């Protein structure tokens, strides 16, 4: 399961306030969620969590289906 931060706050929102399902952010743009987010180790950890989240959601969607 993806952390709530990756489902909502790490995704930029459209004009109606809905989070994107295809665009995510890492690093300093997450400062409101995680203050320590400017050094490479923290960004690397964020990337690993996001990658696992995306792989899991893709696997749940099934072959040939967009997550």
PDB file of N, CA and C in Angstrom:
ATOM      1  N   UNK A   1       0.845  -1.188   0.000  1.00  0.00           N
ATOM      2  CA  UNK A   1       0.000   0.000   0.000  1.00  0.00           C
ATOM      3  C   UNK A   1       0.878   1.235   0.000  1.00  0.00           C
ATOM      4  N   UNK A   2       0.513   2.191  -0.783  1.00  0.00           N
ATOM      5  CA  UNK A   2       1.283   3.423  -0.867  1.00  0.00           C
ATOM      6  C   UNK A   2       0.965   4.321   0.328  1.00  0.00           C
ATOM      7  N   UNK A   3       1.984   4.982   0.874  1.00  0.00           N
ATOM      8  CA  UNK A   3       1.702   5.945   1.942  1.00  0.00           C
ATOM      9  C   UNK A   3       0.758   7.035   1.442  1.00  0.00           C
ATOM     10  N   UNK A   4      -0.039   7.565   2.315  1.00  0.00           N
ATOM     11  CA  UNK A   4      -0.995   8.602   1.933  1.00  0.00           C
ATOM     12  C   UNK A   4      -0.314   9.769   1.241  1.00  0.00           C
ATOM     13  N   UNK A   5       0.901  10.091   1.662  1.00  0.00           N
ATOM     14  CA  UNK A   5       1.621  11.210   1.049  1.00  0.00           C
ATOM     15  C   UNK A   5       1.814  11.002  -0.444  1.00  0.00           C
ATOM     16  N   UNK A   6       2.019   9.750  -0.863  1.00  0.00           N
ATOM     17  CA  UNK A   6       2.248   9.493  -2.284  1.00  0.00           C
ATOM     18  C   UNK A   6       0.950   9.452  -3.057  1.00  0.00           C
ATOM     19  N   UNK A   7      -0.149   9.212  -2.390  1.00  0.00           N
ATOM     20  CA  UNK A   7      -1.427   9.190  -3.092  1.00  0.00           C
ATOM     21  C   UNK A   7      -1.982  10.595  -3.252  1.00  0.00           C
ATOM     22  N   UNK A   8      -1.641  11.488  -2.368  1.00  0.00           N
ATOM     23  CA  UNK A   8      -2.266  12.810  -2.396  1.00  0.00           C
ATOM     24  C   UNK A   8      -1.247  13.938  -2.517  1.00  0.00           C
ATOM     25  N   UNK A   9      -0.491  14.177  -1.469  1.00  0.00           N
ATOM     26  CA  UNK A   9       0.341  15.368  -1.398  1.00  0.00           C
ATOM     27  C   UNK A   9       1.543  15.370  -2.338  1.00  0.00           C
ATOM     28  N   UNK A  10       2.024  14.218  -2.751  1.00  0.00           N
ATOM     29  CA  UNK A  10       3.184  14.181  -3.637  1.00  0.00           C
ATOM     30  C   UNK A  10       2.782  14.355  -5.092  1.00  0.00           C
ATOM     31  N   UNK A  11       1.502  14.399  -5.352  1.00  0.00           N
ATOM     32  CA  UNK A  11       1.015  14.594  -6.711  1.00  0.00           C
ATOM     33  C   UNK A  11       0.509  16.020  -6.869  1.00  0.00           C
ATOM     34  N   UNK A  12       0.968  16.708  -7.908  1.00  0.00           N
ATOM     35  CA  UNK A  12       0.427  18.050  -8.147  1.00  0.00           C
ATOM     36  C   UNK A  12      -1.075  17.973  -8.414  1.00  0.00           C
ATOM     37  N   UNK A  13      -1.782  19.022  -8.051  1.00  0.00           N
ATOM     38  CA  UNK A  13      -3.236  19.048  -8.232  1.00  0.00           C
ATOM     39  C   UNK A  13      -3.624  19.876  -9.450  1.00  0.00           C
ATOM     40  N   UNK A  14      -4.745  19.510 -10.042  1.00  0.00           N
ATOM     41  CA  UNK A  14      -5.270  20.293 -11.159  1.00  0.00           C
ATOM     42  C   UNK A  14      -6.056  21.485 -10.621  1.00  0.00           C
ATOM     43  N   UNK A  15      -6.666  22.236 -11.507  1.00  0.00           N
ATOM     44  CA  UNK A  15      -7.378  23.452 -11.113  1.00  0.00           C
ATOM     45  C   UNK A  15      -8.547  23.162 -10.171  1.00  0.00           C
ATOM     46  N   UNK A  16      -9.084  21.941 -10.230  1.00  0.00           N
ATOM     47  CA  UNK A  16     -10.206  21.571  -9.369  1.00  0.00           C
ATOM     48  C   UNK A  16      -9.730  20.986  -8.043  1.00  0.00           C
ATOM     49  N   UNK A  17      -8.412  20.871  -7.871  1.00  0.00           N
ATOM     50  CA  UNK A  17      -7.869  20.359  -6.628  1.00  0.00           C
ATOM     51  C   UNK A  17      -7.689  18.853  -6.584  1.00  0.00           C
ATOM     52  N   UNK A  18      -7.882  18.176  -7.711  1.00  0.00           N
ATOM     53  CA  UNK A  18      -7.713  16.717  -7.759  1.00  0.00           C
ATOM     54  C   UNK A  18      -6.247  16.373  -7.996  1.00  0.00           C
ATOM     55  N   UNK A  19      -5.674  15.442  -7.189  1.00  0.00           N
ATOM     56  CA  UNK A  19      -4.274  15.060  -7.392  1.00  0.00           C
ATOM     57  C   UNK A  19      -4.107  14.254  -8.679  1.00  0.00           C
ATOM     58  N   UNK A  20      -2.982  14.452  -9.332  1.00  0.00           N
ATOM     59  CA  UNK A  20      -2.667  13.735 -10.560  1.00  0.00           C
ATOM     60  C   UNK A  20      -2.440  12.262 -10.272  1.00  0.00           C
ATOM     61  N   UNK A  21      -2.807  11.423 -11.216  1.00  0.00           N
ATOM     62  CA  UNK A  21      -2.523   9.994 -11.127  1.00  0.00           C
ATOM     63  C   UNK A  21      -1.255   9.626 -11.885  1.00  0.00           C
ATOM     64  N   UNK A  22      -0.676  10.595 -12.591  1.00  0.00           N
ATOM     65  CA  UNK A  22       0.469  10.287 -13.447  1.00  0.00           C
ATOM     66  C   UNK A  22       1.700  11.139 -13.186  1.00  0.00           C
ATOM     67  N   UNK A  23       1.571  12.212 -12.437  1.00  0.00           N
ATOM     68  CA  UNK A  23       2.701  13.095 -12.152  1.00  0.00           C
ATOM     69  C   UNK A  23       2.927  13.124 -10.645  1.00  0.00           C
ATOM     70  N   UNK A  24       4.188  12.925 -10.242  1.00  0.00           N
ATOM     71  CA  UNK A  24       4.547  12.940  -8.827  1.00  0.00           C
ATOM     72  C   UNK A  24       5.783  13.804  -8.640  1.00  0.00           C
ATOM     73  N   UNK A  25       6.058  14.174  -7.425  1.00  0.00           N
ATOM     74  CA  UNK A  25       7.181  15.049  -7.149  1.00  0.00           C
ATOM     75  C   UNK A  25       8.055  14.459  -6.046  1.00  0.00           C
ATOM     76  N   UNK A  26       9.320  14.841  -6.062  1.00  0.00           N
ATOM     77  CA  UNK A  26      10.292  14.407  -5.061  1.00  0.00           C
ATOM     78  C   UNK A  26      11.093  15.620  -4.605  1.00  0.00           C
ATOM     79  N   UNK A  27      11.783  15.471  -3.506  1.00  0.00           N
ATOM     80  CA  UNK A  27      12.729  16.494  -3.074  1.00  0.00           C
ATOM     81  C   UNK A  27      12.094  17.703  -2.417  1.00  0.00           C
ATOM     82  N   UNK A  28      12.670  18.876  -2.661  1.00  0.00           N
ATOM     83  CA  UNK A  28      12.251  20.091  -1.958  1.00  0.00           C
ATOM     84  C   UNK A  28      10.772  20.449  -2.093  1.00  0.00           C
ATOM     85  N   UNK A  29      10.125  20.006  -3.147  1.00  0.00           N
ATOM     86  CA  UNK A  29       8.695  20.321  -3.290  1.00  0.00           C
ATOM     87  C   UNK A  29       7.843  19.586  -2.267  1.00  0.00           C
ATOM     88  N   UNK A  30       8.431  18.629  -1.558  1.00  0.00           N
ATOM     89  CA  UNK A  30       7.709  17.916  -0.494  1.00  0.00           C
ATOM     90  C   UNK A  30       7.995  18.488   0.887  1.00  0.00           C
ATOM     91  N   UNK A  31       8.627  19.640   0.940  1.00  0.00           N
ATOM     92  CA  UNK A  31       9.033  20.208   2.223  1.00  0.00           C
ATOM     93  C   UNK A  31       7.875  20.334   3.211  1.00  0.00           C
ATOM     94  N   UNK A  32       6.686  20.579   2.778  1.00  0.00           N
ATOM     95  CA  UNK A  32       5.549  20.656   3.682  1.00  0.00           C
ATOM     96  C   UNK A  32       5.210  19.322   4.335  1.00  0.00           C
ATOM     97  N   UNK A  33       5.604  18.224   3.696  1.00  0.00           N
ATOM     98  CA  UNK A  33       5.358  16.886   4.247  1.00  0.00           C
ATOM     99  C   UNK A  33       6.534  16.368   5.049  1.00  0.00           C
ATOM    100  N   UNK A  34       7.719  16.627   4.544  1.00  0.00           N
ATOM    101  CA  UNK A  34       8.933  16.117   5.174  1.00  0.00           C
ATOM    102  C   UNK A  34       9.990  17.211   5.088  1.00  0.00           C
ATOM    103  N   UNK A  35      10.303  17.818   6.205  1.00  0.00           N
ATOM    104  CA  UNK A  35      11.222  18.952   6.184  1.00  0.00           C
ATOM    105  C   UNK A  35      12.592  18.566   5.649  1.00  0.00           C
ATOM    106  N   UNK A  36      13.115  17.418   6.087  1.00  0.00           N
ATOM    107  CA  UNK A  36      14.422  16.969   5.620  1.00  0.00           C
ATOM    108  C   UNK A  36      14.255  16.295   4.262  1.00  0.00           C
ATOM    109  N   UNK A  37      14.272  17.086   3.220  1.00  0.00           N
ATOM    110  CA  UNK A  37      14.025  16.537   1.894  1.00  0.00           C
ATOM    111  C   UNK A  37      14.897  17.180   0.819  1.00  0.00           C
ATOM    112  N   UNK A  38      16.051  17.715   1.225  1.00  0.00           N
ATOM    113  CA  UNK A  38      16.915  18.368   0.241  1.00  0.00           C
ATOM    114  C   UNK A  38      18.196  17.599  -0.023  1.00  0.00           C
ATOM    115  N   UNK A  39      18.544  16.649   0.817  1.00  0.00           N
ATOM    116  CA  UNK A  39      19.788  15.894   0.634  1.00  0.00           C
ATOM    117  C   UNK A  39      19.524  14.637  -0.197  1.00  0.00           C
ATOM    118  N   UNK A  40      20.548  14.194  -0.891  1.00  0.00           N
ATOM    119  CA  UNK A  40      20.424  13.030  -1.759  1.00  0.00           C
ATOM    120  C   UNK A  40      19.892  11.784  -1.026  1.00  0.00           C
ATOM    121  N   UNK A  41      20.346  11.467   0.195  1.00  0.00           N
ATOM    122  CA  UNK A  41      19.795  10.269   0.850  1.00  0.00           C
ATOM    123  C   UNK A  41      18.278  10.322   1.031  1.00  0.00           C
ATOM    124  N   UNK A  42      17.732  11.473   1.405  1.00  0.00           N
ATOM    125  CA  UNK A  42      16.288  11.587   1.580  1.00  0.00           C
ATOM    126  C   UNK A  42      15.568  11.474   0.241  1.00  0.00           C
ATOM    127  N   UNK A  43      16.102  12.107  -0.781  1.00  0.00           N
ATOM    128  CA  UNK A  43      15.475  12.047  -2.107  1.00  0.00           C
ATOM    129  C   UNK A  43      15.550  10.618  -2.647  1.00  0.00           C
ATOM    130  N   UNK A  44      16.669   9.940  -2.414  1.00  0.00           N
ATOM    131  CA  UNK A  44      16.801   8.541  -2.840  1.00  0.00           C
ATOM    132  C   UNK A  44      15.745   7.682  -2.147  1.00  0.00           C
ATOM    133  N   UNK A  45      15.526   7.896  -0.862  1.00  0.00           N
ATOM    134  CA  UNK A  45      14.502   7.144  -0.130  1.00  0.00           C
ATOM    135  C   UNK A  45      13.108   7.442  -0.676  1.00  0.00           C
ATOM    136  N   UNK A  46      12.844   8.707  -0.973  1.00  0.00           N
ATOM    137  CA  UNK A  46      11.548   9.079  -1.544  1.00  0.00           C
ATOM    138  C   UNK A  46      11.340   8.395  -2.890  1.00  0.00           C
ATOM    139  N   UNK A  47      12.390   8.365  -3.717  1.00  0.00           N
ATOM    140  CA  UNK A  47      12.302   7.721  -5.028  1.00  0.00           C
ATOM    141  C   UNK A  47      12.025   6.226  -4.885  1.00  0.00           C
ATOM    142  N   UNK A  48      12.648   5.579  -3.898  1.00  0.00           N
ATOM    143  CA  UNK A  48      12.425   4.153  -3.681  1.00  0.00           C
ATOM    144  C   UNK A  48      10.981   3.881  -3.264  1.00  0.00           C
ATOM    145  N   UNK A  49      10.439   4.711  -2.373  1.00  0.00           N
ATOM    146  CA  UNK A  49       9.049   4.545  -1.941  1.00  0.00           C
ATOM    147  C   UNK A  49       8.105   4.761  -3.115  1.00  0.00           C
ATOM    148  N   UNK A  50       8.342   5.800  -3.896  1.00  0.00           N
ATOM    149  CA  UNK A  50       7.483   6.086  -5.046  1.00  0.00           C
ATOM    150  C   UNK A  50       7.568   4.953  -6.064  1.00  0.00           C
ATOM    151  N   UNK A  51       8.769   4.433  -6.318  1.00  0.00           N
ATOM    152  CA  UNK A  51       8.921   3.336  -7.275  1.00  0.00           C
ATOM    153  C   UNK A  51       8.127   2.103  -6.821  1.00  0.00           C
ATOM    154  N   UNK A  52       8.243   1.754  -5.535  1.00  0.00           N
ATOM    155  CA  UNK A  52       7.482   0.613  -5.024  1.00  0.00           C
ATOM    156  C   UNK A  52       5.980   0.856  -5.166  1.00  0.00           C
ATOM    157  N   UNK A  53       5.553   2.063  -4.873  1.00  0.00           N
ATOM    158  CA  UNK A  53       4.144   2.426  -4.986  1.00  0.00           C
ATOM    159  C   UNK A  53       3.657   2.274  -6.425  1.00  0.00           C
ATOM    160  N   UNK A  54       4.422   2.795  -7.365  1.00  0.00           N
ATOM    161  CA  UNK A  54       4.023   2.720  -8.765  1.00  0.00           C
ATOM    162  C   UNK A  54       4.026   1.287  -9.269  1.00  0.00           C
ATOM    163  N   UNK A  55       5.033   0.504  -8.886  1.00  0.00           N
ATOM    164  CA  UNK A  55       5.081  -0.897  -9.299  1.00  0.00           C
ATOM    165  C   UNK A  55       3.920  -1.684  -8.724  1.00  0.00           C
ATOM    166  N   UNK A  56       3.574  -1.423  -7.473  1.00  0.00           N
ATOM    167  CA  UNK A  56       2.453  -2.113  -6.835  1.00  0.00           C
ATOM    168  C   UNK A  56       1.144  -1.746  -7.519  1.00  0.00           C
ATOM    169  N   UNK A  57       0.942  -0.470  -7.772  1.00  0.00           N
ATOM    170  CA  UNK A  57      -0.318  -0.051  -8.393  1.00  0.00           C
ATOM    171  C   UNK A  57      -0.408  -0.593  -9.818  1.00  0.00           C
ATOM    172  N   UNK A  58       0.705  -0.665 -10.504  1.00  0.00           N
ATOM    173  CA  UNK A  58       0.720  -1.216 -11.867  1.00  0.00           C
ATOM    174  C   UNK A  58       0.408  -2.713 -11.827  1.00  0.00           C
ATOM    175  N   UNK A  59       0.982  -3.444 -10.881  1.00  0.00           N
ATOM    176  CA  UNK A  59       0.727  -4.873 -10.757  1.00  0.00           C
ATOM    177  C   UNK A  59      -0.733  -5.130 -10.412  1.00  0.00           C
ATOM    178  N   UNK A  60      -1.330  -4.284  -9.574  1.00  0.00           N
ATOM    179  CA  UNK A  60      -2.727  -4.452  -9.213  1.00  0.00           C
ATOM    180  C   UNK A  60      -3.650  -4.180 -10.383  1.00  0.00           C
ATOM    181  N   UNK A  61      -3.206  -3.295 -11.293  1.00  0.00           N
ATOM    182  CA  UNK A  61      -4.030  -2.947 -12.448  1.00  0.00           C
ATOM    183  C   UNK A  61      -4.073  -4.095 -13.452  1.00  0.00           C
ATOM    184  N   UNK A  62      -3.044  -4.946 -13.434  1.00  0.00           N
ATOM    185  CA  UNK A  62      -3.006  -6.088 -14.358  1.00  0.00           C
ATOM    186  C   UNK A  62      -2.246  -5.759 -15.620  1.00  0.00           C
ATOM    187  N   UNK A  63      -1.882  -6.786 -16.369  1.00  0.00           N
ATOM    188  CA  UNK A  63      -1.098  -6.587 -17.590  1.00  0.00           C
ATOM    189  C   UNK A  63      -1.865  -5.777 -18.619  1.00  0.00           C
ATOM    190  N   UNK A  64      -1.185  -4.838 -19.221  1.00  0.00           N
ATOM    191  CA  UNK A  64      -1.783  -4.028 -20.281  1.00  0.00           C
ATOM    192  C   UNK A  64      -2.723  -2.945 -19.806  1.00  0.00           C
ATOM    193  N   UNK A  65      -2.908  -2.818 -18.510  1.00  0.00           N
ATOM    194  CA  UNK A  65      -3.804  -1.789 -17.972  1.00  0.00           C
ATOM    195  C   UNK A  65      -2.985  -0.660 -17.362  1.00  0.00           C
ATOM    196  N   UNK A  66      -3.425   0.541 -17.578  1.00  0.00           N
ATOM    197  CA  UNK A  66      -2.767   1.697 -16.942  1.00  0.00           C
ATOM    198  C   UNK A  66      -3.152   1.716 -15.482  1.00  0.00           C
ATOM    199  N   UNK A  67      -2.198   2.083 -14.632  1.00  0.00           N
ATOM    200  CA  UNK A  67      -2.479   2.139 -13.185  1.00  0.00           C
ATOM    201  C   UNK A  67      -3.182   3.427 -12.838  1.00  0.00           C
TER     202      UNK A  67
END
